[in-house]
Amino acid sequence: MNRSSESTRGGRIPVKIHRRVALVKTNDPLLAEELIARKTLARNLQARLSPTVLLVRPEGEQMLLDELRRMGHAPRVARGGNESEAGSR
């Protein structure tokens, strides 16, 4: 039996859950493109997960918030399922 058939035996597929992951979510794919294009932001981004979702490096979260504010954005920060305006902690 090969590895892929072993992992789906009984209809089960291995799943990995990641906690405490920082994401940037926008409603506009062009804004995501703009953020990726800015060198100061790009070095704090890990990956693009979809056209409107960016994965933030754990050590870059605060710098990213600061830079977004400098750009004139007021990011909402969700912590533990709650959202707050302008990144309050």
Protein backbone atom coordinates (compact mmCIF):
# COMPACT_ATOMS: atom_id res chain seq x y z
CA MET A 1 0.00 0.00 0.00
CA ASN A 2 1.42 3.37 -0.90
CA ARG A 3 1.63 6.33 1.47
CA SER A 4 -1.28 8.27 -0.06
CA SER A 5 -3.70 5.37 0.28
CA GLU A 6 -2.55 4.82 3.88
CA SER A 7 -3.21 8.45 4.77
CA THR A 8 -6.78 8.34 3.43
CA ARG A 9 -7.71 4.91 4.78
CA GLY A 10 -11.12 5.12 6.38
CA GLY A 11 -11.80 8.47 4.76
CA ARG A 12 -9.37 10.32 7.01
CA ILE A 13 -7.04 12.94 5.63
CA PRO A 14 -4.21 14.27 7.80
CA VAL A 15 -4.86 17.82 8.94
CA LYS A 16 -2.50 20.27 10.60
CA ILE A 17 -3.84 23.27 12.51
CA HIS A 18 -1.70 26.37 12.99
CA ARG A 19 -2.39 28.69 15.89
CA ARG A 20 -1.38 32.30 16.30
CA VAL A 21 -0.93 33.00 12.62
CA ALA A 22 -0.93 36.61 11.44
CA LEU A 23 -2.77 37.29 8.17
CA VAL A 24 -3.49 40.39 6.14
CA LYS A 25 -6.96 40.12 4.57
CA THR A 26 -8.17 42.70 2.08
CA ASN A 27 -11.29 43.02 -0.02
CA ASP A 28 -9.26 44.14 -3.02
CA PRO A 29 -6.62 41.99 -4.77
CA LEU A 30 -4.99 45.19 -6.09
CA LEU A 31 -4.33 46.35 -2.53
CA ALA A 32 -2.67 43.01 -1.79
CA GLU A 33 -0.49 43.54 -4.87
CA GLU A 34 0.43 47.03 -3.66
CA LEU A 35 1.43 45.68 -0.25
CA ILE A 36 3.59 42.95 -1.80
CA ALA A 37 5.26 45.53 -4.07
CA ARG A 38 6.42 47.68 -1.11
CA LYS A 39 9.84 46.42 -0.05
CA THR A 40 9.35 47.49 3.56
CA LEU A 41 6.22 45.33 3.75
CA ALA A 42 7.29 42.48 1.48
CA ARG A 43 10.16 41.42 3.73
CA ASN A 44 7.62 40.83 6.51
CA LEU A 45 5.31 38.72 4.38
CA GLN A 46 5.75 34.95 4.29
CA ALA A 47 3.40 34.02 1.45
CA ARG A 48 0.33 34.91 -0.56
CA LEU A 49 -2.41 32.44 0.33
CA SER A 50 -5.05 33.81 -2.04
CA PRO A 51 -5.57 36.94 -4.13
CA THR A 52 -6.65 38.82 -0.99
CA VAL A 53 -4.89 36.99 1.90
CA LEU A 54 -1.22 37.40 2.86
CA LEU A 55 0.63 35.40 5.51
CA VAL A 56 2.74 37.58 7.81
CA ARG A 57 6.06 36.47 9.28
CA PRO A 58 5.60 36.16 13.06
CA GLU A 59 8.42 38.62 13.81
CA GLY A 60 7.06 41.16 11.32
CA GLU A 61 3.56 41.75 12.63
CA GLN A 62 4.19 45.01 14.51
CA MET A 63 6.36 46.50 11.74
CA LEU A 64 3.65 45.64 9.22
CA LEU A 65 1.01 47.38 11.36
CA ASP A 66 3.21 50.46 11.72
CA GLU A 67 3.88 50.63 7.97
CA LEU A 68 0.19 50.20 7.11
CA ARG A 69 -0.62 53.12 9.40
CA ARG A 70 2.10 55.23 7.73
CA MET A 71 0.43 54.43 4.41
CA GLY A 72 -2.85 55.85 5.76
CA HIS A 73 -4.61 52.57 6.53
CA ALA A 74 -6.34 51.83 9.83
CA PRO A 75 -5.98 48.05 10.10
CA ARG A 76 -8.37 46.08 12.27
CA VAL A 77 -6.57 43.50 14.36
CA ALA A 78 -8.37 40.29 15.31
CA ARG A 79 -7.09 38.59 18.45
CA GLY A 80 -8.82 35.55 19.86
CA GLY A 81 -11.82 36.04 17.61
CA ASN A 82 -12.28 39.71 18.53
CA GLU A 83 -11.48 42.60 16.20
CA SER A 84 -10.30 46.01 17.26
CA GLU A 85 -9.82 49.17 15.25
CA ALA A 86 -6.39 50.53 14.37
CA GLY A 87 -4.45 47.60 15.80
CA SER A 88 -5.05 48.23 19.48
CA ARG A 89 -3.73 45.54 21.73
